[in-house]
Amino acid sequence: MRVINLSQKEIPRKWYNLLADLPWDLPAVLHPATNEPVSEDDLAPVFARELIRQEFTKERWIEIPEPVLEVYGSWRPTPLRRALALEKALNTPARIYFKDESVSPTGSHKPNTAVAQAYYNRREGVKRITTETGAGQWGSAMAFASSKFDLECRVFMVRVSYEQKPYRKVMMRIWGADVVPSPSKETNSGRKILEADPNSPGSLGIAISEAVESAVQDPDTRYVLGSVLNHVLLHQSIIGLELEKQLAMIGEKPDVMIGCVGGGSNFGGFVYPFIPKKLHGEEIEFIAVEPKACPTLTEGQYRYDFGDTAGLTPLLKMFTLGYDFVPSPIHAGGLRYHGMAPVVSLLVEKGIVTPRAYGQDEVFESAVMFAKAEGIVPAPESAHAVKCAIDEAIACREEGREKVIVFALSGHGLFDLSAYERFLNGEL
């Protein structure tokens, strides 16, 4: 089968929380002033109460509220596709599948958690939310979700992406969001960065600082995050839960599972339901792919660090390049975060997940090959997973081995055509 679809009745009705089944405790989140574990009250000025609860719970299953399921139904379940044309082009004995999250209203996996976070904030009486975005996938998802639950939305967009990806900005504005290039003059943290470097390209860490600062100044405003934290990854588990059902329908088990990583949300949601299988002895390889320009997992340190540049957030135990790291302005804007989800970091530290890094040109080469074979132009972020899947399939050909390779296509690249044009013109 080329496309494996579930019916709408088969949309999962609960999210899966991996913390319930990990044999290790996730290191505590620390208050920067005391180095003691943060309390729920410490986080209440920033996040909705239910999201704080979900962040720390070890409950295995979290019921998906009906209003969230209703919105999910406009694009979920998403298809599992077999890349038959790519297999043929590579002349590989491997069977390659990809879970296609590009079919959402915003073209990526991000609405899976944006809709949930918007719902919980609205239920608790929040009137407006602030957030940050890199490539614009999260910002557009939050703008979409806010419009569904009548919330005001302000997005601090990393300046280099604000300039590189103007149509993401337009999409956010269509759904009613206010979009601000970061660093900006609207916050203390933004002004401080601009004083030091008026031409700063920005970073996700800087944009997070601005969004958090903006949120805590107004009791009717809360901050929402598109990656990194556990409540975000557990909302994304709907990807892996659907994938489990789809693979079972065709009698397949994955040998290799691949996803790109910036903060870790699409990769985490993709593999969460499969991690316990490996912990109980199944031979599954999990590969987390990042850019060489922001090599958090492959070159970073596993230690406590701030989640933002200004040091406004709690301290997280994670792989990090340092909270003041400003990455090169590569086109995979969603993969330019200095840190990594603590859960994904722990899985790498324990050897359950293997990290891999690629350069920008080789990633775009693979993206073009995939687009020619399968007809889908992948986002530069997703193209990192495509590159890895191609490499794994070539290894199968050279070794004469059959493997089932499954990767996450976390978004399409139709708003990234200027980057593709530069690649095709040899200008990257």
Protein backbone atom coordinates (compact mmCIF):
# COMPACT_ATOMS: atom_id res chain seq x y z
CA MET A 1 0.00 0.00 0.00
CA ARG A 2 1.26 3.47 -0.85
CA VAL A 3 -1.01 5.32 1.64
CA ILE A 4 -2.20 3.88 4.97
CA ASN A 5 -5.13 5.83 6.40
CA LEU A 6 -7.08 5.54 9.62
CA SER A 7 -10.74 6.50 9.92
CA GLN A 8 -11.75 9.54 11.99
CA LYS A 9 -13.17 7.16 14.60
CA GLU A 10 -9.60 5.91 15.14
CA ILE A 11 -8.14 9.26 16.21
CA PRO A 12 -6.54 8.54 19.62
CA ARG A 13 -8.61 9.93 22.47
CA LYS A 14 -5.74 10.05 24.98
CA TRP A 15 -2.19 11.37 24.83
CA TYR A 16 0.65 9.14 26.03
CA ASN A 17 3.08 10.31 28.72
CA LEU A 18 6.45 8.56 28.48
CA LEU A 19 7.42 9.64 32.01
CA ALA A 20 5.13 6.88 33.32
CA ASP A 21 7.32 4.19 31.77
CA LEU A 22 10.86 5.55 31.97
CA PRO A 23 13.12 3.55 34.32
CA TRP A 24 14.90 6.80 35.25
CA ASP A 25 13.56 9.94 36.88
CA LEU A 26 13.71 13.06 34.76
CA PRO A 27 16.07 15.54 36.50
CA ALA A 28 14.18 18.20 38.42
CA VAL A 29 13.48 21.63 36.96
CA LEU A 30 15.34 24.11 39.18
CA HIS A 31 14.52 27.64 40.30
CA PRO A 32 17.45 29.84 39.15
CA ALA A 33 17.46 31.89 42.38
CA THR A 34 17.58 28.93 44.77
CA ASN A 35 18.68 25.89 42.73
CA GLU A 36 15.74 24.10 44.36
CA PRO A 37 13.04 22.29 42.34
CA VAL A 38 10.38 24.68 41.07
CA SER A 39 6.84 24.44 42.40
CA GLU A 40 3.64 24.68 40.41
CA ASP A 41 3.05 28.07 42.03
CA ASP A 42 6.42 29.28 40.70
CA LEU A 43 5.25 28.57 37.15
CA ALA A 44 1.65 29.81 37.53
CA PRO A 45 2.34 33.38 36.31
CA VAL A 46 3.73 31.92 33.08
CA PHE A 47 1.71 28.80 32.14
CA ALA A 48 -1.88 27.60 32.40
CA ARG A 49 -2.38 25.46 35.52
CA GLU A 50 -3.41 22.32 33.62
CA LEU A 51 -0.30 22.51 31.45
CA ILE A 52 1.86 22.78 34.58
CA ARG A 53 0.12 19.70 35.98
CA GLN A 54 0.76 17.78 32.77
CA GLU A 55 4.41 18.84 32.80
CA PHE A 56 5.12 17.02 36.05
CA THR A 57 2.59 14.18 36.18
CA LYS A 58 3.58 10.54 35.73
CA GLU A 59 0.05 9.64 34.70
CA ARG A 60 0.41 7.36 31.66
CA TRP A 61 -2.64 8.56 29.73
CA ILE A 62 -4.06 12.09 29.53
CA GLU A 63 -7.62 12.40 28.22
CA ILE A 64 -7.88 14.63 25.13
CA PRO A 65 -10.73 17.14 25.70
CA GLU A 66 -13.64 16.96 23.26
CA PRO A 67 -13.16 20.58 21.99
CA VAL A 68 -9.57 19.68 21.12
CA LEU A 69 -10.63 16.48 19.36
CA GLU A 70 -13.19 18.47 17.40
CA VAL A 71 -10.47 20.75 16.00
CA TYR A 72 -8.11 17.80 15.43
CA GLY A 73 -10.80 16.26 13.25
CA SER A 74 -10.21 18.84 10.51
CA TRP A 75 -6.92 17.14 9.60
CA ARG A 76 -6.34 14.08 11.77
CA PRO A 77 -5.66 11.21 11.40
CA THR A 78 -2.68 12.04 9.20
CA PRO A 79 -1.56 9.54 6.52
CA LEU A 80 1.33 7.12 6.71
CA ARG A 81 2.86 6.98 3.25
CA ARG A 82 5.21 4.44 1.72
CA ALA A 83 7.95 6.11 -0.33
CA LEU A 84 7.87 3.60 -3.17
CA ALA A 85 9.28 6.00 -5.75
CA LEU A 86 12.14 6.94 -3.44
CA GLU A 87 12.87 3.27 -2.80
CA LYS A 88 13.04 2.71 -6.55
CA ALA A 89 15.30 5.72 -7.11
CA LEU A 90 17.68 4.44 -4.43
CA ASN A 91 17.46 0.81 -5.62
CA THR A 92 17.24 -0.23 -1.99
CA PRO A 93 15.75 -3.36 -0.38
CA ALA A 94 14.62 -1.14 2.51
CA ARG A 95 10.96 -0.29 2.91
CA ILE A 96 10.64 3.45 3.61
CA TYR A 97 7.57 4.98 5.24
CA PHE A 98 6.90 8.52 6.41
CA LYS A 99 4.25 9.89 8.75
CA ASP A 100 2.97 12.97 6.94
CA GLU A 101 2.22 15.83 9.35
CA SER A 102 2.38 18.38 6.51
CA VAL A 103 -1.37 18.02 5.91
CA SER A 104 -2.41 20.12 8.93
CA PRO A 105 -3.97 23.57 8.36
CA THR A 106 -0.61 25.23 9.04
CA GLY A 107 1.46 22.62 7.22
CA SER A 108 3.29 21.07 10.17
CA HIS A 109 2.94 18.96 13.33
CA LYS A 110 2.76 22.02 15.59
CA PRO A 111 -1.06 22.37 15.84
CA ASN A 112 -1.18 19.08 17.79
CA THR A 113 -0.03 20.95 20.89
CA ALA A 114 -1.05 24.50 19.89
CA VAL A 115 -4.74 23.56 19.88
CA ALA A 116 -4.42 21.86 23.27
CA GLN A 117 -2.56 24.78 24.83
CA ALA A 118 -5.01 27.33 23.45
CA TYR A 119 -7.94 25.32 24.82
CA TYR A 120 -6.52 24.99 28.34
CA ASN A 121 -5.59 28.67 28.52
CA ARG A 122 -9.04 29.75 27.37
CA ARG A 123 -10.72 27.37 29.83
CA GLU A 124 -8.79 29.04 32.66
CA GLY A 125 -9.92 32.52 31.64
CA VAL A 126 -6.73 33.68 29.92
CA LYS A 127 -7.41 36.41 27.37
CA ARG A 128 -4.15 36.58 25.45
CA ILE A 129 -1.04 34.53 24.93
CA THR A 130 2.54 35.30 23.96
CA THR A 131 5.01 32.98 22.31
CA GLU A 132 8.09 32.82 20.12
CA THR A 133 8.77 31.18 16.78
CA GLY A 134 11.81 30.36 14.70
CA ALA A 135 10.88 29.17 11.22
CA GLY A 136 7.29 30.27 11.80
CA GLN A 137 5.70 26.83 12.06
CA TRP A 138 4.96 27.22 15.77
CA GLY A 139 3.87 30.83 15.44
CA SER A 140 1.42 30.02 12.67
CA ALA A 141 0.10 27.00 14.61
CA MET A 142 -0.48 29.13 17.70
CA ALA A 143 -2.13 31.87 15.64
CA PHE A 144 -4.47 29.25 14.14
CA ALA A 145 -5.25 27.69 17.52
CA SER A 146 -5.82 31.08 19.16
CA SER A 147 -8.36 31.96 16.49
CA LYS A 148 -10.25 28.75 17.30
CA PHE A 149 -10.55 29.66 21.00
CA ASP A 150 -10.93 33.44 20.77
CA LEU A 151 -7.54 34.34 22.24
CA GLU A 152 -5.35 37.29 21.37
CA CYS A 153 -1.93 36.15 20.22
CA ARG A 154 1.45 37.90 20.05
CA VAL A 155 4.37 36.12 18.40
CA PHE A 156 8.01 37.14 18.77
CA MET A 157 9.61 35.80 15.58
CA VAL A 158 13.38 35.34 15.29
CA ARG A 159 14.46 38.28 13.15
CA VAL A 160 16.39 36.31 10.52
CA SER A 161 13.35 34.08 9.93
CA TYR A 162 11.05 37.12 9.97
CA GLU A 163 13.09 38.37 7.01
CA GLN A 164 13.70 34.99 5.30
CA LYS A 165 10.13 33.68 5.59
CA PRO A 166 7.70 36.57 5.03
CA TYR A 167 4.74 34.36 4.13
CA ARG A 168 4.78 32.63 7.51
CA LYS A 169 4.34 36.10 8.99
CA VAL A 170 1.41 36.75 6.63
CA MET A 171 -0.20 33.45 7.65
CA MET A 172 -0.01 34.39 11.33
CA ARG A 173 -1.57 37.77 10.61
CA ILE A 174 -4.41 36.14 8.63
CA TRP A 175 -5.35 34.25 11.81
CA GLY A 176 -5.20 37.49 13.80
CA ALA A 177 -1.80 37.31 15.49
CA ASP A 178 0.49 40.27 16.10
CA VAL A 179 3.99 39.37 14.83
CA VAL A 180 7.08 41.14 16.21
CA PRO A 181 10.64 40.63 14.89
CA SER A 182 12.96 39.59 17.74
CA PRO A 183 15.03 41.05 19.26
CA SER A 184 12.66 44.00 19.54
CA LYS A 185 12.48 47.29 21.41
CA GLU A 186 9.27 46.19 23.15
CA THR A 187 10.94 44.35 26.04
CA ASN A 188 13.87 44.96 28.36
CA SER A 189 15.60 41.79 27.20
CA GLY A 190 15.17 42.76 23.54
CA ARG A 191 16.46 46.29 24.08
CA LYS A 192 19.51 44.96 25.93
CA ILE A 193 20.39 42.64 23.02
CA LEU A 194 19.97 45.45 20.47
CA GLU A 195 22.16 47.79 22.49
CA ALA A 196 24.96 45.21 22.35
CA ASP A 197 24.33 44.27 18.69
CA PRO A 198 21.91 46.45 16.66
CA ASN A 199 22.13 43.93 13.78
CA SER A 200 21.47 40.83 15.87
CA PRO A 201 19.82 38.10 13.74
CA GLY A 202 18.04 36.90 16.86
CA SER A 203 17.69 33.40 18.27
CA LEU A 204 14.97 31.27 19.78
CA GLY A 205 16.50 31.89 23.20
CA ILE A 206 16.14 35.65 22.74
CA ALA A 207 12.58 35.35 21.43
CA ILE A 208 11.63 33.16 24.40
CA SER A 209 13.00 35.81 26.78
CA GLU A 210 10.85 38.47 25.12
CA ALA A 211 7.70 36.33 25.11
CA VAL A 212 8.09 35.28 28.77
CA GLU A 213 8.82 38.85 29.87
CA SER A 214 5.75 40.08 28.00
CA ALA A 215 3.55 37.41 29.60
CA VAL A 216 4.51 37.92 33.24
CA GLN A 217 3.73 41.66 33.07
CA ASP A 218 0.01 41.06 32.49
CA PRO A 219 -2.21 38.85 34.73
CA ASP A 220 -4.53 38.12 31.78
CA THR A 221 -1.67 36.83 29.63
CA ARG A 222 0.12 33.47 29.65
CA TYR A 223 3.09 32.13 27.74
CA VAL A 224 2.94 29.03 25.52
CA LEU A 225 5.85 26.96 24.25
CA GLY A 226 6.01 24.93 21.04
CA SER A 227 8.69 22.43 22.01
CA VAL A 228 11.15 21.29 24.71
CA LEU A 229 8.83 20.71 27.71
CA ASN A 230 7.20 17.37 28.44
CA HIS A 231 3.60 18.57 28.17
CA VAL A 232 4.36 19.63 24.60
CA LEU A 233 5.90 16.27 23.68
CA LEU A 234 3.05 14.30 25.23
CA HIS A 235 0.53 16.27 23.12
CA GLN A 236 2.61 15.33 20.08
CA SER A 237 2.39 11.63 21.05
CA ILE A 238 -0.76 11.50 18.93
CA ILE A 239 1.64 11.17 15.96
CA GLY A 240 3.23 8.00 17.32
CA LEU A 241 -0.06 6.57 18.58
CA GLU A 242 -1.58 6.83 15.10
CA LEU A 243 1.60 5.42 13.59
CA GLU A 244 1.38 2.35 15.85
CA LYS A 245 -2.09 1.59 14.50
CA GLN A 246 -1.09 2.20 10.89
CA LEU A 247 1.96 -0.07 11.01
CA ALA A 248 -0.12 -2.79 12.69
CA MET A 249 -2.66 -2.54 9.83
CA ILE A 250 0.01 -3.59 7.33
CA GLY A 251 1.92 -5.98 9.58
CA GLU A 252 5.10 -3.91 9.77
CA LYS A 253 7.45 -3.19 12.68
CA PRO A 254 9.99 -0.35 12.46
CA ASP A 255 13.70 -1.14 12.50
CA VAL A 256 14.77 2.51 12.28
CA MET A 257 12.77 5.59 13.32
CA ILE A 258 14.07 9.02 12.30
CA GLY A 259 13.05 12.58 13.10
CA CYS A 260 14.61 16.02 12.96
CA VAL A 261 15.27 17.78 16.27
CA GLY A 262 15.38 21.44 17.19
CA GLY A 263 13.69 21.45 20.59
CA GLY A 264 12.51 17.85 20.21
CA SER A 265 8.72 18.04 19.87
CA ASN A 266 8.05 16.24 16.58
CA PHE A 267 10.73 13.63 17.25
CA GLY A 268 9.46 13.05 20.80
CA GLY A 269 5.83 12.69 19.76
CA PHE A 270 6.83 10.38 16.91
CA VAL A 271 8.86 7.96 19.07
CA TYR A 272 7.23 8.26 22.54
CA PRO A 273 4.92 5.22 22.14
CA PHE A 274 7.78 3.12 20.74
CA ILE A 275 10.39 3.83 23.43
CA PRO A 276 8.92 1.25 25.89
CA LYS A 277 9.18 -1.38 23.16
CA LYS A 278 12.95 -0.83 23.00
CA LEU A 279 13.21 -0.72 26.79
CA HIS A 280 11.58 -4.18 26.81
CA GLY A 281 13.98 -5.67 24.28
CA GLU A 282 12.71 -4.86 20.79
CA GLU A 283 15.46 -3.88 18.35
CA ILE A 284 14.50 -0.39 17.19
CA GLU A 285 17.03 2.31 16.37
CA PHE A 286 15.94 5.88 17.09
CA ILE A 287 17.90 8.59 15.25
CA ALA A 288 17.52 12.29 16.12
CA VAL A 289 18.87 14.51 13.32
CA GLU A 290 20.07 18.09 13.77
CA PRO A 291 21.98 20.67 11.69
CA LYS A 292 25.76 20.96 12.01
CA ALA A 293 25.21 24.70 12.42
CA CYS A 294 23.38 24.06 15.72
CA PRO A 295 24.78 20.72 16.97
CA THR A 296 23.09 20.60 20.36
CA LEU A 297 23.07 16.82 20.82
CA THR A 298 26.26 15.99 18.94
CA GLU A 299 28.50 18.71 20.41
CA GLY A 300 26.62 20.21 23.36
CA GLN A 301 27.05 19.43 27.05
CA TYR A 302 24.50 17.57 29.18
CA ARG A 303 24.01 19.98 32.09
CA TYR A 304 21.65 22.48 33.65
CA ASP A 305 21.04 25.63 31.63
CA PHE A 306 18.50 28.37 31.06
CA GLY A 307 15.91 27.82 28.37
CA ASP A 308 16.22 31.43 27.22
CA THR A 309 18.95 34.01 26.60
CA ALA A 310 18.04 36.53 29.33
CA GLY A 311 17.91 33.90 32.07
CA LEU A 312 14.22 34.37 32.86
CA THR A 313 13.29 30.67 32.70
CA PRO A 314 13.93 27.87 35.19
CA LEU A 315 17.03 25.71 34.78
CA LEU A 316 16.60 22.53 32.73
CA LYS A 317 18.91 19.50 32.62
CA MET A 318 19.47 19.09 28.91
CA PHE A 319 22.02 19.00 26.14
CA THR A 320 22.93 22.63 25.47
CA LEU A 321 25.30 24.82 23.51
CA GLY A 322 24.91 27.57 26.12
CA TYR A 323 21.97 29.91 26.63
CA ASP A 324 23.82 32.78 24.92
CA PHE A 325 24.53 30.75 21.76
CA VAL A 326 23.44 32.53 18.57
CA PRO A 327 23.38 30.09 15.62
CA SER A 328 24.24 30.78 12.01
CA PRO A 329 21.19 31.97 10.02
CA ILE A 330 20.59 28.68 8.20
CA HIS A 331 17.22 28.11 6.59
CA ALA A 332 16.15 25.34 8.98
CA GLY A 333 14.96 28.00 11.40
CA GLY A 334 13.05 25.55 13.56
CA LEU A 335 16.26 23.65 14.35
CA ARG A 336 18.23 26.61 15.72
CA TYR A 337 17.59 26.24 19.47
CA HIS A 338 20.55 26.13 21.87
CA GLY A 339 19.02 23.41 24.06
CA MET A 340 17.00 20.22 23.72
CA ALA A 341 13.94 18.70 25.36
CA PRO A 342 15.00 17.24 28.73
CA VAL A 343 13.27 13.94 27.90
CA VAL A 344 15.04 13.62 24.53
CA SER A 345 18.30 14.66 26.20
CA LEU A 346 17.92 11.95 28.83
CA LEU A 347 17.20 9.32 26.15
CA VAL A 348 20.38 10.34 24.30
CA GLU A 349 22.41 10.32 27.52
CA LYS A 350 21.15 6.77 28.28
CA GLY A 351 21.95 5.53 24.75
CA ILE A 352 18.33 4.94 23.74
CA VAL A 353 18.43 7.63 21.03
CA THR A 354 21.35 8.23 18.66
CA PRO A 355 22.02 11.80 17.47
CA ARG A 356 23.30 12.69 14.01
CA ALA A 357 24.17 16.05 12.39
CA TYR A 358 24.18 17.14 8.73
CA GLY A 359 25.23 20.23 6.79
CA GLN A 360 22.76 22.48 4.99
CA ASP A 361 23.76 21.68 1.39
CA GLU A 362 23.54 17.89 1.75
CA VAL A 363 20.15 18.27 3.45
CA PHE A 364 18.77 20.33 0.54
CA GLU A 365 20.18 17.80 -1.97
CA SER A 366 18.19 15.06 -0.24
CA ALA A 367 15.10 17.28 -0.06
CA VAL A 368 15.18 17.83 -3.84
CA MET A 369 15.64 14.11 -4.45
CA PHE A 370 12.67 13.34 -2.20
CA ALA A 371 10.52 16.00 -3.87
CA LYS A 372 11.28 14.60 -7.32
CA ALA A 373 10.42 11.08 -6.19
CA GLU A 374 7.44 11.62 -3.92
CA GLY A 375 6.05 14.99 -5.08
CA ILE A 376 6.19 16.64 -1.66
CA VAL A 377 8.54 19.57 -1.01
CA PRO A 378 9.70 19.04 2.59
CA ALA A 379 10.41 21.83 5.04
CA PRO A 380 14.17 22.37 5.54
CA GLU A 381 13.69 21.02 9.07
CA SER A 382 12.00 17.80 7.88
CA ALA A 383 14.62 17.47 5.15
CA HIS A 384 17.16 16.53 7.85
CA ALA A 385 15.08 13.40 8.54
CA VAL A 386 14.80 12.78 4.79
CA LYS A 387 18.60 12.92 4.43
CA CYS A 388 19.06 10.41 7.23
CA ALA A 389 16.40 8.06 5.81
CA ILE A 390 18.15 8.14 2.43
CA ASP A 391 21.50 7.36 4.05
CA GLU A 392 19.98 4.45 5.97
CA ALA A 393 18.35 3.12 2.79
CA ILE A 394 21.65 3.33 0.88
CA ALA A 395 23.35 1.42 3.71
CA CYS A 396 20.69 -1.30 3.32
CA ARG A 397 21.47 -1.50 -0.39
CA GLU A 398 25.20 -1.75 0.20
CA GLU A 399 24.79 -4.37 2.92
CA GLY A 400 22.04 -6.27 1.08
CA ARG A 401 19.74 -5.98 4.12
CA GLU A 402 16.02 -5.35 4.34
CA LYS A 403 14.91 -2.85 6.95
CA VAL A 404 11.73 -0.95 7.71
CA ILE A 405 12.69 2.73 7.89
CA VAL A 406 10.09 5.18 9.19
CA PHE A 407 10.64 8.92 9.40
CA ALA A 408 8.60 11.91 10.48
CA LEU A 409 7.78 14.44 7.78
CA SER A 410 7.01 17.22 10.24
CA GLY A 411 6.15 19.92 7.69
CA HIS A 412 6.08 21.04 4.06
CA GLY A 413 8.42 23.55 2.47
CA LEU A 414 6.00 25.62 0.42
CA PHE A 415 6.86 28.72 2.49
CA ASP A 416 10.57 27.97 2.09
CA LEU A 417 10.85 28.22 -1.67
CA SER A 418 13.23 31.17 -1.48
CA ALA A 419 15.66 28.84 0.33
CA TYR A 420 15.21 26.21 -2.35
CA GLU A 421 15.79 28.86 -5.01
CA ARG A 422 19.08 29.84 -3.39
CA PHE A 423 20.10 26.18 -3.22
CA LEU A 424 19.22 25.57 -6.88
CA ASN A 425 21.16 28.70 -7.84
CA GLY A 426 24.20 27.54 -5.85
CA GLU A 427 23.92 30.47 -3.44
CA LEU A 428 23.50 28.72 -0.08
